[in-house]
Amino acid sequence: MTDVVSESSTRAANSRLDALLKSKPPTDQVSLAAWWFVVSSLESSVPVRRAVEGVEVLSAAALARAVSRAQNAVRAALEEMPADVESLPFAVQRSQNSVPRLRTTIRTLALLVVTPRVTTTQQLAAALIHHWHAISRCHPNAVHSLQPAVLTVPK
């Protein structure tokens, strides 16, 4: 019974998300596909944030899978961006202090998803890059005193 309720509520949530994303302004620079990848990254990032904050217990393997899913969705969203966004620097974060907290990057991306204002590809790409660095710090094999790996987006 729980699976049926869960599946039903998931369908309803996806339907609401679909309506929300389709209501983005016609002048929005971000494709619908990119927005769905952002949503996918957020869905994978929330359990990671909860585990990092001690609210949820995840095994190291489950945490690694969730981090990888979130990172893959970020990459996919960035690959949906126009060619001119490719030149954005994917700089290595120099210190742990310069990497935003995961909670912050989740909030930033969620606000971009729900805002009725136009989102530029540069705005979204910058938010995704920050999110990628924040999520990278949560991988169970990450060494927090070192910078995360560099994100590259093939074109």
C-alpha atoms as a PDB file:
ATOM      1  CA  MET A   1       0.000   0.000   0.000  1.00  0.00           C
ATOM      2  CA  THR A   2       2.826   2.414   0.849  1.00  0.00           C
ATOM      3  CA  ASP A   3       4.378   1.916  -2.592  1.00  0.00           C
ATOM      4  CA  VAL A   4       1.073   2.780  -4.256  1.00  0.00           C
ATOM      5  CA  VAL A   5       0.714   5.950  -2.174  1.00  0.00           C
ATOM      6  CA  SER A   6       4.349   6.862  -2.810  1.00  0.00           C
ATOM      7  CA  GLU A   7       3.990   6.284  -6.556  1.00  0.00           C
ATOM      8  CA  SER A   8       0.789   8.326  -6.622  1.00  0.00           C
ATOM      9  CA  SER A   9       2.334  11.237  -4.729  1.00  0.00           C
ATOM     10  CA  THR A  10       5.445  11.082  -6.945  1.00  0.00           C
ATOM     11  CA  ARG A  11       3.274  11.305 -10.062  1.00  0.00           C
ATOM     12  CA  ALA A  12       1.374  14.251  -8.591  1.00  0.00           C
ATOM     13  CA  ALA A  13       4.612  16.022  -7.655  1.00  0.00           C
ATOM     14  CA  ASN A  14       6.059  15.418 -11.120  1.00  0.00           C
ATOM     15  CA  SER A  15       2.868  16.760 -12.664  1.00  0.00           C
ATOM     16  CA  ARG A  16       3.116  19.929 -10.562  1.00  0.00           C
ATOM     17  CA  LEU A  17       6.811  20.302 -11.424  1.00  0.00           C
ATOM     18  CA  ASP A  18       6.039  19.855 -15.108  1.00  0.00           C
ATOM     19  CA  ALA A  19       3.388  22.584 -14.929  1.00  0.00           C
ATOM     20  CA  LEU A  20       5.768  24.856 -13.017  1.00  0.00           C
ATOM     21  CA  LEU A  21       8.599  24.381 -15.497  1.00  0.00           C
ATOM     22  CA  LYS A  22       6.322  24.846 -18.492  1.00  0.00           C
ATOM     23  CA  SER A  23       5.125  28.132 -16.955  1.00  0.00           C
ATOM     24  CA  LYS A  24       8.621  29.607 -17.101  1.00  0.00           C
ATOM     25  CA  PRO A  25       8.668  32.837 -19.146  1.00  0.00           C
ATOM     26  CA  PRO A  26       8.911  32.310 -22.915  1.00  0.00           C
ATOM     27  CA  THR A  27      12.049  34.461 -22.888  1.00  0.00           C
ATOM     28  CA  ASP A  28      13.762  32.172 -20.360  1.00  0.00           C
ATOM     29  CA  GLN A  29      17.176  31.185 -21.731  1.00  0.00           C
ATOM     30  CA  VAL A  30      17.203  27.768 -20.068  1.00  0.00           C
ATOM     31  CA  SER A  31      15.730  24.748 -21.858  1.00  0.00           C
ATOM     32  CA  LEU A  32      13.074  22.579 -20.268  1.00  0.00           C
ATOM     33  CA  ALA A  33      15.495  19.623 -20.427  1.00  0.00           C
ATOM     34  CA  ALA A  34      18.112  21.573 -18.452  1.00  0.00           C
ATOM     35  CA  TRP A  35      15.520  22.444 -15.803  1.00  0.00           C
ATOM     36  CA  TRP A  36      14.591  18.762 -15.422  1.00  0.00           C
ATOM     37  CA  PHE A  37      18.273  17.909 -14.876  1.00  0.00           C
ATOM     38  CA  VAL A  38      18.433  20.642 -12.217  1.00  0.00           C
ATOM     39  CA  VAL A  39      15.406  19.083 -10.503  1.00  0.00           C
ATOM     40  CA  SER A  40      17.049  15.660 -10.698  1.00  0.00           C
ATOM     41  CA  SER A  41      20.204  17.015  -9.079  1.00  0.00           C
ATOM     42  CA  LEU A  42      18.157  18.603  -6.316  1.00  0.00           C
ATOM     43  CA  GLU A  43      16.284  15.340  -5.680  1.00  0.00           C
ATOM     44  CA  SER A  44      19.605  13.517  -5.244  1.00  0.00           C
ATOM     45  CA  SER A  45      21.168  16.332  -3.207  1.00  0.00           C
ATOM     46  CA  VAL A  46      18.549  16.525  -0.467  1.00  0.00           C
ATOM     47  CA  PRO A  47      19.339  13.094   1.062  1.00  0.00           C
ATOM     48  CA  VAL A  48      23.048  13.969   0.823  1.00  0.00           C
ATOM     49  CA  ARG A  49      22.457  17.219   2.724  1.00  0.00           C
ATOM     50  CA  ARG A  50      20.369  15.392   5.313  1.00  0.00           C
ATOM     51  CA  ALA A  51      23.116  12.779   5.778  1.00  0.00           C
ATOM     52  CA  VAL A  52      25.854  15.400   6.062  1.00  0.00           C
ATOM     53  CA  GLU A  53      23.796  17.302   8.641  1.00  0.00           C
ATOM     54  CA  GLY A  54      23.151  14.094  10.606  1.00  0.00           C
ATOM     55  CA  VAL A  55      19.392  14.059  10.013  1.00  0.00           C
ATOM     56  CA  GLU A  56      19.431  10.938   7.823  1.00  0.00           C
ATOM     57  CA  VAL A  57      21.647   7.876   7.934  1.00  0.00           C
ATOM     58  CA  LEU A  58      23.122   6.722   4.633  1.00  0.00           C
ATOM     59  CA  SER A  59      25.776   4.076   4.142  1.00  0.00           C
ATOM     60  CA  ALA A  60      28.988   5.244   2.495  1.00  0.00           C
ATOM     61  CA  ALA A  61      27.921   3.450  -0.694  1.00  0.00           C
ATOM     62  CA  ALA A  62      24.454   5.053  -0.702  1.00  0.00           C
ATOM     63  CA  LEU A  63      25.988   8.469  -0.049  1.00  0.00           C
ATOM     64  CA  ALA A  64      28.483   7.981  -2.886  1.00  0.00           C
ATOM     65  CA  ARG A  65      25.649   6.959  -5.252  1.00  0.00           C
ATOM     66  CA  ALA A  66      23.547   9.990  -4.320  1.00  0.00           C
ATOM     67  CA  VAL A  67      26.520  12.333  -4.783  1.00  0.00           C
ATOM     68  CA  SER A  68      27.280  10.761  -8.177  1.00  0.00           C
ATOM     69  CA  ARG A  69      23.640  11.056  -9.290  1.00  0.00           C
ATOM     70  CA  ALA A  70      23.587  14.726  -8.290  1.00  0.00           C
ATOM     71  CA  GLN A  71      26.888  15.402 -10.065  1.00  0.00           C
ATOM     72  CA  ASN A  72      25.758  13.588 -13.216  1.00  0.00           C
ATOM     73  CA  ALA A  73      22.565  15.635 -13.293  1.00  0.00           C
ATOM     74  CA  VAL A  74      24.608  18.856 -12.927  1.00  0.00           C
ATOM     75  CA  ARG A  75      26.808  17.783 -15.843  1.00  0.00           C
ATOM     76  CA  ALA A  76      23.750  16.933 -17.936  1.00  0.00           C
ATOM     77  CA  ALA A  77      22.147  20.317 -17.167  1.00  0.00           C
ATOM     78  CA  LEU A  78      25.347  22.106 -18.158  1.00  0.00           C
ATOM     79  CA  GLU A  79      25.525  20.078 -21.374  1.00  0.00           C
ATOM     80  CA  GLU A  80      22.062  21.437 -22.247  1.00  0.00           C
ATOM     81  CA  MET A  81      23.423  24.984 -22.147  1.00  0.00           C
ATOM     82  CA  PRO A  82      24.260  26.870 -25.347  1.00  0.00           C
ATOM     83  CA  ALA A  83      27.829  26.706 -26.638  1.00  0.00           C
ATOM     84  CA  ASP A  84      28.704  30.187 -25.316  1.00  0.00           C
ATOM     85  CA  VAL A  85      28.285  28.971 -21.729  1.00  0.00           C
ATOM     86  CA  GLU A  86      30.957  26.318 -22.282  1.00  0.00           C
ATOM     87  CA  SER A  87      33.676  28.950 -21.805  1.00  0.00           C
ATOM     88  CA  LEU A  88      32.675  29.557 -18.188  1.00  0.00           C
ATOM     89  CA  PRO A  89      35.607  28.701 -15.940  1.00  0.00           C
ATOM     90  CA  PHE A  90      35.301  25.494 -13.981  1.00  0.00           C
ATOM     91  CA  ALA A  91      37.864  26.673 -11.493  1.00  0.00           C
ATOM     92  CA  VAL A  92      39.075  24.515  -8.679  1.00  0.00           C
ATOM     93  CA  GLN A  93      37.980  25.951  -5.360  1.00  0.00           C
ATOM     94  CA  ARG A  94      41.126  27.071  -3.540  1.00  0.00           C
ATOM     95  CA  SER A  95      39.886  26.629   0.004  1.00  0.00           C
ATOM     96  CA  GLN A  96      37.100  24.949   1.855  1.00  0.00           C
ATOM     97  CA  ASN A  97      35.788  28.381   2.858  1.00  0.00           C
ATOM     98  CA  SER A  98      35.206  29.429  -0.763  1.00  0.00           C
ATOM     99  CA  VAL A  99      32.904  26.449  -1.430  1.00  0.00           C
ATOM    100  CA  PRO A 100      29.314  27.322  -0.547  1.00  0.00           C
ATOM    101  CA  ARG A 101      27.435  25.017   1.805  1.00  0.00           C
ATOM    102  CA  LEU A 102      25.283  22.391   0.132  1.00  0.00           C
ATOM    103  CA  ARG A 103      22.175  23.784   1.835  1.00  0.00           C
ATOM    104  CA  THR A 104      22.921  27.167   0.225  1.00  0.00           C
ATOM    105  CA  THR A 105      23.406  25.782  -3.277  1.00  0.00           C
ATOM    106  CA  ILE A 106      20.243  23.676  -2.994  1.00  0.00           C
ATOM    107  CA  ARG A 107      18.282  26.765  -1.957  1.00  0.00           C
ATOM    108  CA  THR A 108      19.773  28.852  -4.779  1.00  0.00           C
ATOM    109  CA  LEU A 109      18.904  26.246  -7.420  1.00  0.00           C
ATOM    110  CA  ALA A 110      15.413  25.680  -5.988  1.00  0.00           C
ATOM    111  CA  LEU A 111      14.722  29.421  -6.123  1.00  0.00           C
ATOM    112  CA  LEU A 112      15.836  29.522  -9.751  1.00  0.00           C
ATOM    113  CA  VAL A 113      13.482  26.620 -10.528  1.00  0.00           C
ATOM    114  CA  VAL A 114      10.435  28.264  -8.976  1.00  0.00           C
ATOM    115  CA  THR A 115      11.036  31.896  -9.895  1.00  0.00           C
ATOM    116  CA  PRO A 116       8.664  33.338 -12.473  1.00  0.00           C
ATOM    117  CA  ARG A 117      11.446  35.658 -13.669  1.00  0.00           C
ATOM    118  CA  VAL A 118      13.700  34.954 -16.634  1.00  0.00           C
ATOM    119  CA  THR A 119      16.791  32.903 -15.797  1.00  0.00           C
ATOM    120  CA  THR A 120      19.869  33.426 -17.931  1.00  0.00           C
ATOM    121  CA  THR A 121      22.088  30.516 -18.858  1.00  0.00           C
ATOM    122  CA  GLN A 122      24.980  32.291 -17.118  1.00  0.00           C
ATOM    123  CA  GLN A 123      22.992  32.548 -13.867  1.00  0.00           C
ATOM    124  CA  LEU A 124      22.065  28.892 -13.934  1.00  0.00           C
ATOM    125  CA  ALA A 125      25.541  27.722 -14.982  1.00  0.00           C
ATOM    126  CA  ALA A 126      27.169  29.658 -12.129  1.00  0.00           C
ATOM    127  CA  ALA A 127      24.685  28.200  -9.622  1.00  0.00           C
ATOM    128  CA  LEU A 128      25.242  24.690 -10.993  1.00  0.00           C
ATOM    129  CA  ILE A 129      29.020  25.013 -10.750  1.00  0.00           C
ATOM    130  CA  HIS A 130      28.767  26.128  -7.115  1.00  0.00           C
ATOM    131  CA  HIS A 131      26.399  23.248  -6.458  1.00  0.00           C
ATOM    132  CA  TRP A 132      28.779  20.762  -8.093  1.00  0.00           C
ATOM    133  CA  HIS A 133      31.627  21.906  -5.850  1.00  0.00           C
ATOM    134  CA  ALA A 134      29.421  21.782  -2.743  1.00  0.00           C
ATOM    135  CA  ILE A 135      28.135  18.295  -3.541  1.00  0.00           C
ATOM    136  CA  SER A 136      31.679  17.095  -4.332  1.00  0.00           C
ATOM    137  CA  ARG A 137      32.737  17.903  -0.782  1.00  0.00           C
ATOM    138  CA  CYS A 138      30.095  15.466   0.492  1.00  0.00           C
ATOM    139  CA  HIS A 139      31.429  12.384  -1.289  1.00  0.00           C
ATOM    140  CA  PRO A 140      32.588   9.835   1.315  1.00  0.00           C
ATOM    141  CA  ASN A 141      35.987   9.609  -0.398  1.00  0.00           C
ATOM    142  CA  ALA A 142      36.486  13.391  -0.544  1.00  0.00           C
ATOM    143  CA  VAL A 143      39.355  14.828   1.437  1.00  0.00           C
ATOM    144  CA  HIS A 144      37.761  17.962   2.840  1.00  0.00           C
ATOM    145  CA  SER A 145      41.026  19.814   3.301  1.00  0.00           C
ATOM    146  CA  LEU A 146      41.729  19.571  -0.425  1.00  0.00           C
ATOM    147  CA  GLN A 147      39.812  21.068  -3.313  1.00  0.00           C
ATOM    148  CA  PRO A 148      37.292  18.904  -5.193  1.00  0.00           C
ATOM    149  CA  ALA A 149      38.015  17.616  -8.657  1.00  0.00           C
ATOM    150  CA  VAL A 150      37.622  19.999 -11.556  1.00  0.00           C
ATOM    151  CA  LEU A 151      34.316  19.864 -13.417  1.00  0.00           C
ATOM    152  CA  THR A 152      34.627  19.705 -17.177  1.00  0.00           C
ATOM    153  CA  VAL A 153      31.738  19.716 -19.568  1.00  0.00           C
ATOM    154  CA  PRO A 154      32.394  18.067 -22.931  1.00  0.00           C
ATOM    155  CA  LYS A 155      30.888  19.798 -25.956  1.00  0.00           C
END
